[in-house]
Amino acid sequence: MMDKSQRKASIAVAGLSFPDRQNVLRRIVDELQDLCDSAPGGERRPALNSLLHTIRASTGLIAGADEDCWDDIIEELLQLRATMLHLAGPARICH
């Protein structure tokens, strides 16, 4: 279930142009990478790093997805972000 911030973000990404979609996707992936890189104790997450690398390599294809697929992809990435922020605890707050 999406929280309020995810619903607002989903609304904000609907109907974007291709370049705007690419920018949104890059920003989300960059933030996920920052969260991954700042894990306590220098923990490495090879599966997540691989996923983020794959998303970066596929930015054009993902940005060109139809509206329903685009919305689903963004929703999943925002859910991943919310989970990572939750796991990082109150010490890590991103805007």
N, C-alpha and C. Protein backbone atom coordinates (compact mmCIF):
# COMPACT_ATOMS: atom_id res chain seq x y z
N MET A 1 0.84 -1.18 0.00
CA MET A 1 0.00 0.00 0.00
C MET A 1 0.89 1.25 0.00
N MET A 2 0.57 2.20 -0.84
CA MET A 2 1.36 3.42 -0.94
C MET A 2 1.02 4.37 0.20
N ASP A 3 2.04 5.02 0.73
CA ASP A 3 1.79 6.06 1.71
C ASP A 3 1.49 7.37 0.99
N LYS A 4 1.18 8.42 1.75
CA LYS A 4 0.78 9.69 1.17
C LYS A 4 1.84 10.27 0.24
N SER A 5 3.13 10.21 0.65
CA SER A 5 4.19 10.78 -0.19
C SER A 5 4.34 10.02 -1.50
N GLN A 6 4.12 8.71 -1.47
CA GLN A 6 4.21 7.93 -2.70
C GLN A 6 3.06 8.26 -3.64
N ARG A 7 1.85 8.46 -3.10
CA ARG A 7 0.70 8.82 -3.95
C ARG A 7 0.95 10.16 -4.61
N LYS A 8 1.48 11.12 -3.84
CA LYS A 8 1.78 12.43 -4.42
C LYS A 8 2.84 12.30 -5.50
N ALA A 9 3.86 11.48 -5.26
CA ALA A 9 4.92 11.30 -6.25
C ALA A 9 4.37 10.64 -7.50
N SER A 10 3.47 9.66 -7.34
CA SER A 10 2.89 8.99 -8.50
C SER A 10 2.11 9.98 -9.35
N ILE A 11 1.36 10.85 -8.69
CA ILE A 11 0.61 11.87 -9.42
C ILE A 11 1.57 12.80 -10.14
N ALA A 12 2.66 13.15 -9.48
CA ALA A 12 3.62 14.10 -10.04
C ALA A 12 4.35 13.55 -11.26
N VAL A 13 4.47 12.23 -11.39
CA VAL A 13 5.21 11.66 -12.51
C VAL A 13 4.31 11.24 -13.66
N ALA A 14 3.01 11.39 -13.51
CA ALA A 14 2.09 11.03 -14.59
C ALA A 14 2.15 12.07 -15.70
N GLY A 15 2.14 11.61 -16.94
CA GLY A 15 2.08 12.50 -18.08
C GLY A 15 3.36 13.26 -18.40
N LEU A 16 4.49 12.79 -17.91
CA LEU A 16 5.76 13.47 -18.18
C LEU A 16 6.27 13.15 -19.59
N SER A 17 7.05 14.06 -20.12
CA SER A 17 7.70 13.83 -21.40
C SER A 17 8.81 12.79 -21.22
N PHE A 18 9.31 12.27 -22.32
CA PHE A 18 10.38 11.28 -22.28
C PHE A 18 11.62 11.80 -21.55
N PRO A 19 12.12 13.01 -21.88
CA PRO A 19 13.30 13.51 -21.14
C PRO A 19 13.02 13.71 -19.65
N ASP A 20 11.81 14.17 -19.32
CA ASP A 20 11.47 14.34 -17.91
C ASP A 20 11.42 13.01 -17.19
N ARG A 21 10.90 11.99 -17.85
CA ARG A 21 10.88 10.65 -17.25
C ARG A 21 12.31 10.17 -16.99
N GLN A 22 13.20 10.39 -17.95
CA GLN A 22 14.59 9.99 -17.76
C GLN A 22 15.19 10.70 -16.54
N ASN A 23 14.92 11.98 -16.40
CA ASN A 23 15.45 12.74 -15.27
C ASN A 23 14.89 12.23 -13.94
N VAL A 24 13.59 11.96 -13.90
CA VAL A 24 12.96 11.44 -12.68
C VAL A 24 13.60 10.11 -12.31
N LEU A 25 13.74 9.24 -13.29
CA LEU A 25 14.32 7.92 -13.04
C LEU A 25 15.76 8.04 -12.55
N ARG A 26 16.54 8.89 -13.17
CA ARG A 26 17.92 9.08 -12.73
C ARG A 26 17.99 9.59 -11.29
N ARG A 27 17.13 10.53 -10.96
CA ARG A 27 17.12 11.08 -9.59
C ARG A 27 16.77 10.02 -8.56
N ILE A 28 15.77 9.20 -8.87
CA ILE A 28 15.38 8.13 -7.94
C ILE A 28 16.52 7.14 -7.78
N VAL A 29 17.11 6.72 -8.89
CA VAL A 29 18.21 5.75 -8.83
C VAL A 29 19.42 6.34 -8.10
N ASP A 30 19.71 7.60 -8.34
CA ASP A 30 20.82 8.24 -7.62
C ASP A 30 20.56 8.25 -6.12
N GLU A 31 19.34 8.56 -5.73
CA GLU A 31 19.02 8.55 -4.30
C GLU A 31 19.11 7.14 -3.73
N LEU A 32 18.63 6.15 -4.46
CA LEU A 32 18.76 4.77 -3.99
C LEU A 32 20.23 4.38 -3.85
N GLN A 33 21.06 4.82 -4.80
CA GLN A 33 22.49 4.53 -4.72
C GLN A 33 23.11 5.20 -3.50
N ASP A 34 22.72 6.44 -3.23
CA ASP A 34 23.22 7.14 -2.04
C ASP A 34 22.83 6.40 -0.77
N LEU A 35 21.59 5.93 -0.71
CA LEU A 35 21.15 5.17 0.46
C LEU A 35 21.94 3.89 0.61
N CYS A 36 22.19 3.23 -0.51
CA CYS A 36 22.96 1.99 -0.50
C CYS A 36 24.40 2.26 -0.05
N ASP A 37 25.00 3.30 -0.59
CA ASP A 37 26.39 3.62 -0.29
C ASP A 37 26.59 4.09 1.15
N SER A 38 25.55 4.65 1.75
CA SER A 38 25.67 5.16 3.11
C SER A 38 25.20 4.17 4.16
N ALA A 39 25.10 2.90 3.78
CA ALA A 39 24.66 1.88 4.73
C ALA A 39 25.61 1.83 5.92
N PRO A 40 25.05 1.63 7.11
CA PRO A 40 25.90 1.58 8.31
C PRO A 40 26.95 0.48 8.22
N GLY A 41 28.12 0.80 8.71
CA GLY A 41 29.19 -0.19 8.74
C GLY A 41 29.75 -0.53 7.38
N GLY A 42 29.42 0.26 6.37
CA GLY A 42 29.95 0.00 5.04
C GLY A 42 29.43 -1.29 4.41
N GLU A 43 28.23 -1.73 4.84
CA GLU A 43 27.66 -2.95 4.27
C GLU A 43 27.49 -2.79 2.77
N ARG A 44 27.86 -3.81 2.03
CA ARG A 44 27.68 -3.79 0.58
C ARG A 44 26.45 -4.59 0.22
N ARG A 45 25.76 -4.16 -0.75
CA ARG A 45 24.55 -4.83 -1.20
C ARG A 45 24.70 -5.12 -2.70
N PRO A 46 25.39 -6.22 -3.03
CA PRO A 46 25.67 -6.48 -4.45
C PRO A 46 24.43 -6.63 -5.31
N ALA A 47 23.37 -7.24 -4.78
CA ALA A 47 22.16 -7.42 -5.58
C ALA A 47 21.52 -6.06 -5.89
N LEU A 48 21.47 -5.20 -4.90
CA LEU A 48 20.90 -3.87 -5.11
C LEU A 48 21.77 -3.05 -6.05
N ASN A 49 23.08 -3.12 -5.88
CA ASN A 49 23.98 -2.40 -6.79
C ASN A 49 23.80 -2.88 -8.23
N SER A 50 23.64 -4.17 -8.40
CA SER A 50 23.41 -4.73 -9.73
C SER A 50 22.08 -4.24 -10.31
N LEU A 51 21.05 -4.23 -9.48
CA LEU A 51 19.75 -3.73 -9.93
C LEU A 51 19.84 -2.27 -10.36
N LEU A 52 20.48 -1.45 -9.55
CA LEU A 52 20.61 -0.04 -9.89
C LEU A 52 21.42 0.18 -11.16
N HIS A 53 22.47 -0.63 -11.33
CA HIS A 53 23.27 -0.56 -12.57
C HIS A 53 22.40 -0.91 -13.78
N THR A 54 21.59 -1.95 -13.64
CA THR A 54 20.71 -2.38 -14.73
C THR A 54 19.68 -1.31 -15.06
N ILE A 55 19.12 -0.69 -14.04
CA ILE A 55 18.14 0.38 -14.28
C ILE A 55 18.81 1.55 -14.98
N ARG A 56 20.01 1.92 -14.55
CA ARG A 56 20.73 3.02 -15.22
C ARG A 56 20.97 2.70 -16.69
N ALA A 57 21.37 1.47 -16.96
CA ALA A 57 21.65 1.06 -18.34
C ALA A 57 20.38 1.01 -19.19
N SER A 58 19.24 0.91 -18.54
CA SER A 58 17.96 0.77 -19.26
C SER A 58 17.08 2.01 -19.14
N THR A 59 17.65 3.12 -18.75
CA THR A 59 16.86 4.33 -18.50
C THR A 59 16.00 4.71 -19.71
N GLY A 60 16.56 4.67 -20.89
CA GLY A 60 15.80 5.02 -22.09
C GLY A 60 14.63 4.10 -22.32
N LEU A 61 14.85 2.81 -22.15
CA LEU A 61 13.76 1.85 -22.34
C LEU A 61 12.67 2.02 -21.29
N ILE A 62 13.08 2.22 -20.05
CA ILE A 62 12.11 2.38 -18.97
C ILE A 62 11.32 3.68 -19.17
N ALA A 63 12.02 4.75 -19.51
CA ALA A 63 11.35 6.04 -19.71
C ALA A 63 10.36 5.98 -20.88
N GLY A 64 10.59 5.08 -21.82
CA GLY A 64 9.72 4.94 -22.98
C GLY A 64 8.57 3.98 -22.77
N ALA A 65 8.44 3.43 -21.57
CA ALA A 65 7.37 2.47 -21.30
C ALA A 65 6.01 3.16 -21.39
N ASP A 66 4.97 2.36 -21.64
CA ASP A 66 3.63 2.95 -21.65
C ASP A 66 3.28 3.44 -20.25
N GLU A 67 2.27 4.26 -20.16
CA GLU A 67 1.93 4.95 -18.91
C GLU A 67 1.71 3.99 -17.74
N ASP A 68 1.01 2.88 -17.98
CA ASP A 68 0.75 1.93 -16.89
C ASP A 68 2.04 1.29 -16.39
N CYS A 69 2.90 0.86 -17.29
CA CYS A 69 4.17 0.26 -16.90
C CYS A 69 5.05 1.29 -16.18
N TRP A 70 5.10 2.50 -16.71
CA TRP A 70 5.88 3.57 -16.09
C TRP A 70 5.41 3.79 -14.66
N ASP A 71 4.10 3.91 -14.47
CA ASP A 71 3.56 4.13 -13.13
C ASP A 71 3.93 2.99 -12.19
N ASP A 72 3.84 1.75 -12.69
CA ASP A 72 4.18 0.58 -11.86
C ASP A 72 5.65 0.58 -11.48
N ILE A 73 6.51 0.91 -12.43
CA ILE A 73 7.95 0.93 -12.16
C ILE A 73 8.28 2.00 -11.12
N ILE A 74 7.74 3.18 -11.30
CA ILE A 74 8.00 4.26 -10.35
C ILE A 74 7.45 3.91 -8.98
N GLU A 75 6.27 3.34 -8.92
CA GLU A 75 5.69 2.93 -7.64
C GLU A 75 6.59 1.94 -6.91
N GLU A 76 7.13 0.97 -7.64
CA GLU A 76 8.02 -0.02 -7.03
C GLU A 76 9.32 0.62 -6.56
N LEU A 77 9.88 1.52 -7.35
CA LEU A 77 11.12 2.19 -6.95
C LEU A 77 10.90 3.07 -5.72
N LEU A 78 9.75 3.73 -5.66
CA LEU A 78 9.45 4.56 -4.50
C LEU A 78 9.21 3.70 -3.26
N GLN A 79 8.62 2.52 -3.45
CA GLN A 79 8.44 1.60 -2.33
C GLN A 79 9.80 1.11 -1.83
N LEU A 80 10.70 0.81 -2.75
CA LEU A 80 12.06 0.41 -2.37
C LEU A 80 12.74 1.54 -1.60
N ARG A 81 12.60 2.77 -2.07
CA ARG A 81 13.17 3.93 -1.40
C ARG A 81 12.60 4.06 0.01
N ALA A 82 11.28 3.92 0.15
CA ALA A 82 10.65 4.04 1.47
C ALA A 82 11.15 2.95 2.41
N THR A 83 11.31 1.75 1.91
CA THR A 83 11.82 0.65 2.73
C THR A 83 13.25 0.92 3.16
N MET A 84 14.08 1.38 2.24
CA MET A 84 15.47 1.67 2.57
C MET A 84 15.56 2.80 3.59
N LEU A 85 14.73 3.82 3.44
CA LEU A 85 14.72 4.92 4.41
C LEU A 85 14.28 4.42 5.78
N HIS A 86 13.29 3.55 5.79
CA HIS A 86 12.82 2.98 7.05
C HIS A 86 13.92 2.17 7.72
N LEU A 87 14.62 1.36 6.94
CA LEU A 87 15.69 0.55 7.49
C LEU A 87 16.88 1.39 7.96
N ALA A 88 17.10 2.52 7.30
CA ALA A 88 18.19 3.40 7.68
C ALA A 88 17.90 4.11 8.99
N GLY A 89 16.62 4.19 9.35
CA GLY A 89 16.25 4.80 10.62
C GLY A 89 16.19 6.30 10.55
N PRO A 90 15.93 6.92 11.70
CA PRO A 90 15.74 8.37 11.74
C PRO A 90 17.00 9.18 11.46
N ALA A 91 18.15 8.54 11.50
CA ALA A 91 19.40 9.28 11.25
C ALA A 91 19.50 9.70 9.79
N ARG A 92 18.78 9.02 8.90
CA ARG A 92 18.88 9.31 7.46
C ARG A 92 17.55 9.85 6.97
N ILE A 93 17.48 11.13 6.68
CA ILE A 93 16.26 11.73 6.16
C ILE A 93 16.60 12.38 4.83
N CYS A 94 15.90 11.95 3.76
CA CYS A 94 16.13 12.50 2.43
C CYS A 94 14.88 13.25 1.98
N HIS A 95 15.07 14.24 1.16
CA HIS A 95 13.94 15.01 0.63
C HIS A 95 13.88 14.86 -0.84
